[in-house]
Full PDB file with SEQRES, HELIX, SHEET, SSBOND, CRYST1, ORIGX, SCALE, CONECT and MASTER records, all heavy atoms in Angstrom:
SEQRES   1 A   30  CYS THR GLY ARG ARG CYS ALA ASP VAL TYR ILE ASP ALA          
SEQRES   2 A   30  SER PRO GLY GLY ARG ARG ARG PHE CYS SER VAL THR CYS          
SEQRES   3 A   30  GLN ASN ARG ALA                                              
HELIX    1 AA1 VAL A   24  ARG A   29  1                                   6    
CRYST1    1.000    1.000    1.000  90.00  90.00  90.00 P 1           1          
ORIGX1      1.000000  0.000000  0.000000        0.00000                         
ORIGX2      0.000000  1.000000  0.000000        0.00000                         
ORIGX3      0.000000  0.000000  1.000000        0.00000                         
SCALE1      1.000000  0.000000  0.000000        0.00000                         
SCALE2      0.000000  1.000000  0.000000        0.00000                         
SCALE3      0.000000  0.000000  1.000000        0.00000                         
ATOM      1  N   CYS A   1      -0.241   0.488   2.502  1.00  0.00           N  
ATOM      2  CA  CYS A   1      -0.038   1.857   2.940  1.00  0.00           C  
ATOM      3  C   CYS A   1       0.089   1.880   4.466  1.00  0.00           C  
ATOM      4  O   CYS A   1      -0.654   1.191   5.165  1.00  0.00           O  
ATOM      5  CB  CYS A   1      -1.225   2.709   2.498  1.00  0.00           C  
ATOM      6  SG  CYS A   1      -1.111   4.439   2.963  1.00  0.00           S  
ATOM      7  N   THR A   2       1.031   2.662   4.967  1.00  0.00           N  
ATOM      8  CA  THR A   2       1.217   2.767   6.416  1.00  0.00           C  
ATOM      9  C   THR A   2       0.390   3.895   7.018  1.00  0.00           C  
ATOM     10  O   THR A   2       0.490   4.160   8.207  1.00  0.00           O  
ATOM     11  CB  THR A   2       2.711   2.963   6.772  1.00  0.00           C  
ATOM     12  OG1 THR A   2       3.186   4.140   6.121  1.00  0.00           O  
ATOM     13  CG2 THR A   2       3.538   1.764   6.362  1.00  0.00           C  
ATOM     14  N   GLY A   3      -0.430   4.544   6.209  1.00  0.00           N  
ATOM     15  CA  GLY A   3      -1.303   5.599   6.719  1.00  0.00           C  
ATOM     16  C   GLY A   3      -2.397   5.026   7.605  1.00  0.00           C  
ATOM     17  O   GLY A   3      -2.812   3.875   7.457  1.00  0.00           O  
ATOM     18  N   ARG A   4      -2.860   5.865   8.551  1.00  0.00           N  
ATOM     19  CA  ARG A   4      -3.955   5.440   9.430  1.00  0.00           C  
ATOM     20  C   ARG A   4      -5.229   5.277   8.622  1.00  0.00           C  
ATOM     21  O   ARG A   4      -5.481   6.017   7.696  1.00  0.00           O  
ATOM     22  CB  ARG A   4      -4.187   6.488  10.520  1.00  0.00           C  
ATOM     23  CG  ARG A   4      -3.071   6.516  11.551  1.00  0.00           C  
ATOM     24  CD  ARG A   4      -3.361   7.469  12.688  1.00  0.00           C  
ATOM     25  NE  ARG A   4      -4.571   7.067  13.387  1.00  0.00           N  
ATOM     26  CZ  ARG A   4      -5.473   7.928  13.821  1.00  0.00           C  
ATOM     27  NH1 ARG A   4      -5.345   9.212  13.623  1.00  0.00           N  
ATOM     28  NH2 ARG A   4      -6.546   7.502  14.463  1.00  0.00           N  
ATOM     29  N   ARG A   5      -6.021   4.279   8.986  1.00  0.00           N  
ATOM     30  CA  ARG A   5      -7.297   3.998   8.325  1.00  0.00           C  
ATOM     31  C   ARG A   5      -7.141   3.819   6.821  1.00  0.00           C  
ATOM     32  O   ARG A   5      -7.952   4.301   6.042  1.00  0.00           O  
ATOM     33  CB  ARG A   5      -8.304   5.095   8.646  1.00  0.00           C  
ATOM     34  CG  ARG A   5      -8.707   5.152  10.098  1.00  0.00           C  
ATOM     35  CD  ARG A   5      -9.836   6.105  10.352  1.00  0.00           C  
ATOM     36  NE  ARG A   5     -10.921   5.832   9.418  1.00  0.00           N  
ATOM     37  CZ  ARG A   5     -11.771   6.748   9.002  1.00  0.00           C  
ATOM     38  NH1 ARG A   5     -11.680   7.972   9.398  1.00  0.00           N  
ATOM     39  NH2 ARG A   5     -12.731   6.420   8.152  1.00  0.00           N  
ATOM     40  N   CYS A   6      -6.079   3.153   6.412  1.00  0.00           N  
ATOM     41  CA  CYS A   6      -5.872   2.882   4.988  1.00  0.00           C  
ATOM     42  C   CYS A   6      -5.276   1.491   4.838  1.00  0.00           C  
ATOM     43  O   CYS A   6      -4.331   1.133   5.543  1.00  0.00           O  
ATOM     44  CB  CYS A   6      -4.934   3.920   4.370  1.00  0.00           C  
ATOM     45  SG  CYS A   6      -4.817   3.762   2.570  1.00  0.00           S  
ATOM     46  N   ALA A   7      -5.841   0.717   3.946  1.00  0.00           N  
ATOM     47  CA  ALA A   7      -5.313  -0.609   3.626  1.00  0.00           C  
ATOM     48  C   ALA A   7      -5.060  -0.714   2.127  1.00  0.00           C  
ATOM     49  O   ALA A   7      -5.000  -1.806   1.574  1.00  0.00           O  
ATOM     50  CB  ALA A   7      -6.280  -1.698   4.087  1.00  0.00           C  
ATOM     51  N   ASP A   8      -4.922   0.449   1.471  1.00  0.00           N  
ATOM     52  CA  ASP A   8      -4.612   0.450   0.041  1.00  0.00           C  
ATOM     53  C   ASP A   8      -3.213  -0.110  -0.172  1.00  0.00           C  
ATOM     54  O   ASP A   8      -2.357  -0.047   0.710  1.00  0.00           O  
ATOM     55  CB  ASP A   8      -4.689   1.864  -0.533  1.00  0.00           C  
ATOM     56  CG  ASP A   8      -6.116   2.308  -0.819  1.00  0.00           C  
ATOM     57  OD1 ASP A   8      -7.056   1.565  -0.484  1.00  0.00           O  
ATOM     58  OD2 ASP A   8      -6.283   3.408  -1.377  1.00  0.00           O  
ATOM     59  N   VAL A   9      -2.982  -0.622  -1.359  1.00  0.00           N  
ATOM     60  CA  VAL A   9      -1.676  -1.187  -1.689  1.00  0.00           C  
ATOM     61  C   VAL A   9      -0.864  -0.169  -2.475  1.00  0.00           C  
ATOM     62  O   VAL A   9      -1.411   0.781  -3.035  1.00  0.00           O  
ATOM     63  CB  VAL A   9      -1.817  -2.492  -2.501  1.00  0.00           C  
ATOM     64  CG1 VAL A   9      -2.662  -3.508  -1.733  1.00  0.00           C  
ATOM     65  CG2 VAL A   9      -2.408  -2.239  -3.882  1.00  0.00           C  
ATOM     66  N   TYR A  10       0.440  -0.386  -2.488  1.00  0.00           N  
ATOM     67  CA  TYR A  10       1.304   0.429  -3.341  1.00  0.00           C  
ATOM     68  C   TYR A  10       2.302  -0.477  -4.038  1.00  0.00           C  
ATOM     69  O   TYR A  10       2.623  -1.569  -3.558  1.00  0.00           O  
ATOM     70  CB  TYR A  10       2.035   1.524  -2.554  1.00  0.00           C  
ATOM     71  CG  TYR A  10       3.019   1.007  -1.534  1.00  0.00           C  
ATOM     72  CD1 TYR A  10       4.317   0.668  -1.903  1.00  0.00           C  
ATOM     73  CD2 TYR A  10       2.654   0.851  -0.206  1.00  0.00           C  
ATOM     74  CE1 TYR A  10       5.217   0.178  -0.977  1.00  0.00           C  
ATOM     75  CE2 TYR A  10       3.548   0.363   0.723  1.00  0.00           C  
ATOM     76  CZ  TYR A  10       4.831   0.033   0.341  1.00  0.00           C  
ATOM     77  OH  TYR A  10       5.716  -0.453   1.257  1.00  0.00           O  
ATOM     78  N   ILE A  11       2.747  -0.014  -5.188  1.00  0.00           N  
ATOM     79  CA  ILE A  11       3.825  -0.659  -5.933  1.00  0.00           C  
ATOM     80  C   ILE A  11       4.840   0.439  -6.177  1.00  0.00           C  
ATOM     81  O   ILE A  11       4.561   1.410  -6.873  1.00  0.00           O  
ATOM     82  CB  ILE A  11       3.328  -1.250  -7.263  1.00  0.00           C  
ATOM     83  CG1 ILE A  11       2.220  -2.276  -7.003  1.00  0.00           C  
ATOM     84  CG2 ILE A  11       4.486  -1.885  -8.028  1.00  0.00           C  
ATOM     85  CD1 ILE A  11       1.519  -2.764  -8.263  1.00  0.00           C  
ATOM     86  N   ASP A  12       5.990   0.310  -5.556  1.00  0.00           N  
ATOM     87  CA  ASP A  12       7.004   1.360  -5.610  1.00  0.00           C  
ATOM     88  C   ASP A  12       7.883   1.187  -6.838  1.00  0.00           C  
ATOM     89  O   ASP A  12       8.700   0.285  -6.918  1.00  0.00           O  
ATOM     90  CB  ASP A  12       7.854   1.315  -4.335  1.00  0.00           C  
ATOM     91  CG  ASP A  12       8.828   2.465  -4.242  1.00  0.00           C  
ATOM     92  OD1 ASP A  12       8.902   3.275  -5.187  1.00  0.00           O  
ATOM     93  OD2 ASP A  12       9.523   2.552  -3.219  1.00  0.00           O  
ATOM     94  N   ALA A  13       7.712   2.079  -7.794  1.00  0.00           N  
ATOM     95  CA  ALA A  13       8.529   2.052  -9.006  1.00  0.00           C  
ATOM     96  C   ALA A  13       9.545   3.191  -9.006  1.00  0.00           C  
ATOM     97  O   ALA A  13      10.193   3.449 -10.012  1.00  0.00           O  
ATOM     98  CB  ALA A  13       7.631   2.156 -10.235  1.00  0.00           C  
ATOM     99  N   SER A  14       9.711   3.848  -7.852  1.00  0.00           N  
ATOM    100  CA  SER A  14      10.637   4.976  -7.758  1.00  0.00           C  
ATOM    101  C   SER A  14      12.083   4.478  -7.725  1.00  0.00           C  
ATOM    102  O   SER A  14      12.346   3.347  -7.320  1.00  0.00           O  
ATOM    103  CB  SER A  14      10.348   5.798  -6.504  1.00  0.00           C  
ATOM    104  OG  SER A  14      10.717   5.064  -5.339  1.00  0.00           O  
ATOM    105  N   PRO A  15      13.025   5.318  -8.124  1.00  0.00           N  
ATOM    106  CA  PRO A  15      14.433   4.907  -8.096  1.00  0.00           C  
ATOM    107  C   PRO A  15      14.934   4.576  -6.687  1.00  0.00           C  
ATOM    108  O   PRO A  15      15.700   3.647  -6.503  1.00  0.00           O  
ATOM    109  CB  PRO A  15      15.182   6.118  -8.658  1.00  0.00           C  
ATOM    110  CG  PRO A  15      14.170   6.891  -9.417  1.00  0.00           C  
ATOM    111  CD  PRO A  15      12.855   6.638  -8.752  1.00  0.00           C  
ATOM    112  N   GLY A  16      14.480   5.334  -5.687  1.00  0.00           N  
ATOM    113  CA  GLY A  16      14.966   5.126  -4.316  1.00  0.00           C  
ATOM    114  C   GLY A  16      14.372   3.928  -3.618  1.00  0.00           C  
ATOM    115  O   GLY A  16      14.969   3.355  -2.718  1.00  0.00           O  
ATOM    116  N   GLY A  17      13.165   3.543  -4.002  1.00  0.00           N  
ATOM    117  CA  GLY A  17      12.521   2.377  -3.398  1.00  0.00           C  
ATOM    118  C   GLY A  17      12.152   2.554  -1.940  1.00  0.00           C  
ATOM    119  O   GLY A  17      12.227   1.609  -1.171  1.00  0.00           O  
ATOM    120  N   ARG A  18      11.722   3.757  -1.547  1.00  0.00           N  
ATOM    121  CA  ARG A  18      11.406   4.011  -0.139  1.00  0.00           C  
ATOM    122  C   ARG A  18       9.938   4.309   0.112  1.00  0.00           C  
ATOM    123  O   ARG A  18       9.578   4.782   1.179  1.00  0.00           O  
ATOM    124  CB  ARG A  18      12.250   5.184   0.353  1.00  0.00           C  
ATOM    125  CG  ARG A  18      13.716   4.858   0.373  1.00  0.00           C  
ATOM    126  CD  ARG A  18      14.506   5.958   1.055  1.00  0.00           C  
ATOM    127  NE  ARG A  18      15.911   5.619   1.043  1.00  0.00           N  
ATOM    128  CZ  ARG A  18      16.808   6.247   0.304  1.00  0.00           C  
ATOM    129  NH1 ARG A  18      16.450   7.261  -0.448  1.00  0.00           N  
ATOM    130  NH2 ARG A  18      18.069   5.877   0.340  1.00  0.00           N  
ATOM    131  N   ARG A  19       9.116   4.062  -0.839  1.00  0.00           N  
ATOM    132  CA  ARG A  19       7.693   4.388  -0.716  1.00  0.00           C  
ATOM    133  C   ARG A  19       7.049   3.543   0.369  1.00  0.00           C  
ATOM    134  O   ARG A  19       7.291   2.340   0.462  1.00  0.00           O  
ATOM    135  CB  ARG A  19       7.014   4.154  -2.062  1.00  0.00           C  
ATOM    136  CG  ARG A  19       5.571   4.563  -2.097  1.00  0.00           C  
ATOM    137  CD  ARG A  19       5.045   4.475  -3.499  1.00  0.00           C  
ATOM    138  NE  ARG A  19       3.627   4.810  -3.522  1.00  0.00           N  
ATOM    139  CZ  ARG A  19       2.904   4.828  -4.609  1.00  0.00           C  
ATOM    140  NH1 ARG A  19       3.438   4.541  -5.775  1.00  0.00           N  
ATOM    141  NH2 ARG A  19       1.637   5.128  -4.550  1.00  0.00           N  
ATOM    142  N   ARG A  20       6.178   4.161   1.184  1.00  0.00           N  
ATOM    143  CA  ARG A  20       5.463   3.446   2.240  1.00  0.00           C  
ATOM    144  C   ARG A  20       3.989   3.842   2.305  1.00  0.00           C  
ATOM    145  O   ARG A  20       3.271   3.395   3.177  1.00  0.00           O  
ATOM    146  CB  ARG A  20       6.114   3.690   3.608  1.00  0.00           C  
ATOM    147  CG  ARG A  20       7.535   3.163   3.711  1.00  0.00           C  
ATOM    148  CD  ARG A  20       7.583   1.647   3.564  1.00  0.00           C  
ATOM    149  NE  ARG A  20       8.932   1.154   3.447  1.00  0.00           N  
ATOM    150  CZ  ARG A  20       9.498   0.742   2.333  1.00  0.00           C  
ATOM    151  NH1 ARG A  20       8.843   0.782   1.202  1.00  0.00           N  
ATOM    152  NH2 ARG A  20      10.721   0.281   2.313  1.00  0.00           N  
ATOM    153  N   PHE A  21       3.573   4.713   1.388  1.00  0.00           N  
ATOM    154  CA  PHE A  21       2.194   5.177   1.367  1.00  0.00           C  
ATOM    155  C   PHE A  21       1.598   4.925  -0.009  1.00  0.00           C  
ATOM    156  O   PHE A  21       2.312   4.925  -1.005  1.00  0.00           O  
ATOM    157  CB  PHE A  21       2.126   6.680   1.685  1.00  0.00           C  
ATOM    158  CG  PHE A  21       2.587   7.017   3.079  1.00  0.00           C  
ATOM    159  CD1 PHE A  21       3.901   7.400   3.317  1.00  0.00           C  
ATOM    160  CD2 PHE A  21       1.713   6.939   4.151  1.00  0.00           C  
ATOM    161  CE1 PHE A  21       4.327   7.693   4.588  1.00  0.00           C  
ATOM    162  CE2 PHE A  21       2.142   7.233   5.430  1.00  0.00           C  
ATOM    163  CZ  PHE A  21       3.445   7.612   5.657  1.00  0.00           C  
ATOM    164  N   CYS A  22       0.276   4.794  -0.065  1.00  0.00           N  
ATOM    165  CA  CYS A  22      -0.396   4.546  -1.336  1.00  0.00           C  
ATOM    166  C   CYS A  22      -0.475   5.799  -2.191  1.00  0.00           C  
ATOM    167  O   CYS A  22      -0.551   5.714  -3.406  1.00  0.00           O  
ATOM    168  CB  CYS A  22      -1.801   4.004  -1.091  1.00  0.00           C  
ATOM    169  SG  CYS A  22      -2.901   5.185  -0.265  1.00  0.00           S  
ATOM    170  N   SER A  23      -0.429   6.965  -1.533  1.00  0.00           N  
ATOM    171  CA  SER A  23      -0.590   8.219  -2.268  1.00  0.00           C  
ATOM    172  C   SER A  23       0.054   9.361  -1.483  1.00  0.00           C  
ATOM    173  O   SER A  23       0.353   9.226  -0.294  1.00  0.00           O  
ATOM    174  CB  SER A  23      -2.074   8.527  -2.470  1.00  0.00           C  
ATOM    175  OG  SER A  23      -2.691   8.771  -1.208  1.00  0.00           O  
ATOM    176  N   VAL A  24       0.212  10.483  -2.147  1.00  0.00           N  
ATOM    177  CA  VAL A  24       0.727  11.684  -1.488  1.00  0.00           C  
ATOM    178  C   VAL A  24      -0.267  12.143  -0.428  1.00  0.00           C  
ATOM    179  O   VAL A  24       0.127  12.648   0.629  1.00  0.00           O  
ATOM    180  CB  VAL A  24       1.002  12.794  -2.526  1.00  0.00           C  
ATOM    181  CG1 VAL A  24       1.372  14.095  -1.864  1.00  0.00           C  
ATOM    182  CG2 VAL A  24       2.095  12.359  -3.484  1.00  0.00           C  
ATOM    183  N   THR A  25      -1.550  11.947  -0.657  1.00  0.00           N  
ATOM    184  CA  THR A  25      -2.572  12.330   0.310  1.00  0.00           C  
ATOM    185  C   THR A  25      -2.367  11.611   1.633  1.00  0.00           C  
ATOM    186  O   THR A  25      -2.362  12.240   2.697  1.00  0.00           O  
ATOM    187  CB  THR A  25      -3.985  12.039  -0.246  1.00  0.00           C  
ATOM    188  OG1 THR A  25      -4.144  12.737  -1.476  1.00  0.00           O  
ATOM    189  CG2 THR A  25      -5.063  12.440   0.727  1.00  0.00           C  
ATOM    190  N   CYS A  26      -2.173  10.298   1.599  1.00  0.00           N  
ATOM    191  CA  CYS A  26      -1.935   9.541   2.835  1.00  0.00           C  
ATOM    192  C   CYS A  26      -0.623   9.961   3.490  1.00  0.00           C  
ATOM    193  O   CYS A  26      -0.540  10.064   4.713  1.00  0.00           O  
ATOM    194  CB  CYS A  26      -1.931   8.034   2.558  1.00  0.00           C  
ATOM    195  SG  CYS A  26      -3.569   7.285   2.696  1.00  0.00           S  
ATOM    196  N   GLN A  27       0.395  10.189   2.691  1.00  0.00           N  
ATOM    197  CA  GLN A  27       1.678  10.626   3.226  1.00  0.00           C  
ATOM    198  C   GLN A  27       1.534  11.973   3.933  1.00  0.00           C  
ATOM    199  O   GLN A  27       2.048  12.158   5.036  1.00  0.00           O  
ATOM    200  CB  GLN A  27       2.710  10.723   2.110  1.00  0.00           C  
ATOM    201  CG  GLN A  27       4.091  11.091   2.588  1.00  0.00           C  
ATOM    202  CD  GLN A  27       5.098  11.139   1.447  1.00  0.00           C  
ATOM    203  OE1 GLN A  27       4.729  11.230   0.284  1.00  0.00           O  
ATOM    204  NE2 GLN A  27       6.356  11.069   1.788  1.00  0.00           N  
ATOM    205  N   ASN A  28       0.822  12.902   3.324  1.00  0.00           N  
ATOM    206  CA  ASN A  28       0.618  14.214   3.940  1.00  0.00           C  
ATOM    207  C   ASN A  28      -0.203  14.113   5.217  1.00  0.00           C  
ATOM    208  O   ASN A  28       0.099  14.792   6.205  1.00  0.00           O  
ATOM    209  CB  ASN A  28      -0.039  15.182   2.954  1.00  0.00           C  
ATOM    210  CG  ASN A  28       0.924  15.630   1.874  1.00  0.00           C  
ATOM    211  OD1 ASN A  28       2.138  15.528   2.016  1.00  0.00           O  
ATOM    212  ND2 ASN A  28       0.379  16.117   0.774  1.00  0.00           N  
ATOM    213  N   ARG A  29      -1.226  13.277   5.219  1.00  0.00           N  
ATOM    214  CA  ARG A  29      -2.016  13.077   6.445  1.00  0.00           C  
ATOM    215  C   ARG A  29      -1.129  12.560   7.578  1.00  0.00           C  
ATOM    216  O   ARG A  29      -1.247  13.006   8.721  1.00  0.00           O  
ATOM    217  CB  ARG A  29      -3.143  12.086   6.199  1.00  0.00           C  
ATOM    218  CG  ARG A  29      -4.315  12.653   5.480  1.00  0.00           C  
ATOM    219  CD  ARG A  29      -5.460  11.633   5.456  1.00  0.00           C  
ATOM    220  NE  ARG A  29      -6.430  12.046   4.480  1.00  0.00           N  
ATOM    221  CZ  ARG A  29      -6.947  11.265   3.538  1.00  0.00           C  
ATOM    222  NH1 ARG A  29      -6.600  10.007   3.462  1.00  0.00           N  
ATOM    223  NH2 ARG A  29      -7.819  11.736   2.684  1.00  0.00           N  
ATOM    224  N   ALA A  30      -0.257  11.609   7.258  1.00  0.00           N  
ATOM    225  CA  ALA A  30       0.637  11.055   8.282  1.00  0.00           C  
ATOM    226  C   ALA A  30       1.606  12.117   8.795  1.00  0.00           C  
ATOM    227  O   ALA A  30       1.882  12.200  10.000  1.00  0.00           O  
ATOM    228  CB  ALA A  30       1.403   9.863   7.713  1.00  0.00           C  
TER     229      ALA A  30                                                      
MASTER        0    0    0    1    0    0    0    6  228    1    0    3          
END                                                                             
C-alpha cells in the first residue's frame, strides 16, 4: 500500500490493474 503509515499488501484483481492502496480507507486518507 502506498498510504502513509501502512505496509499492508494488495493483490489487484481489477480489470484496469491500477490499484496502489490496500483499501478504500487508505486511498481516501491519501
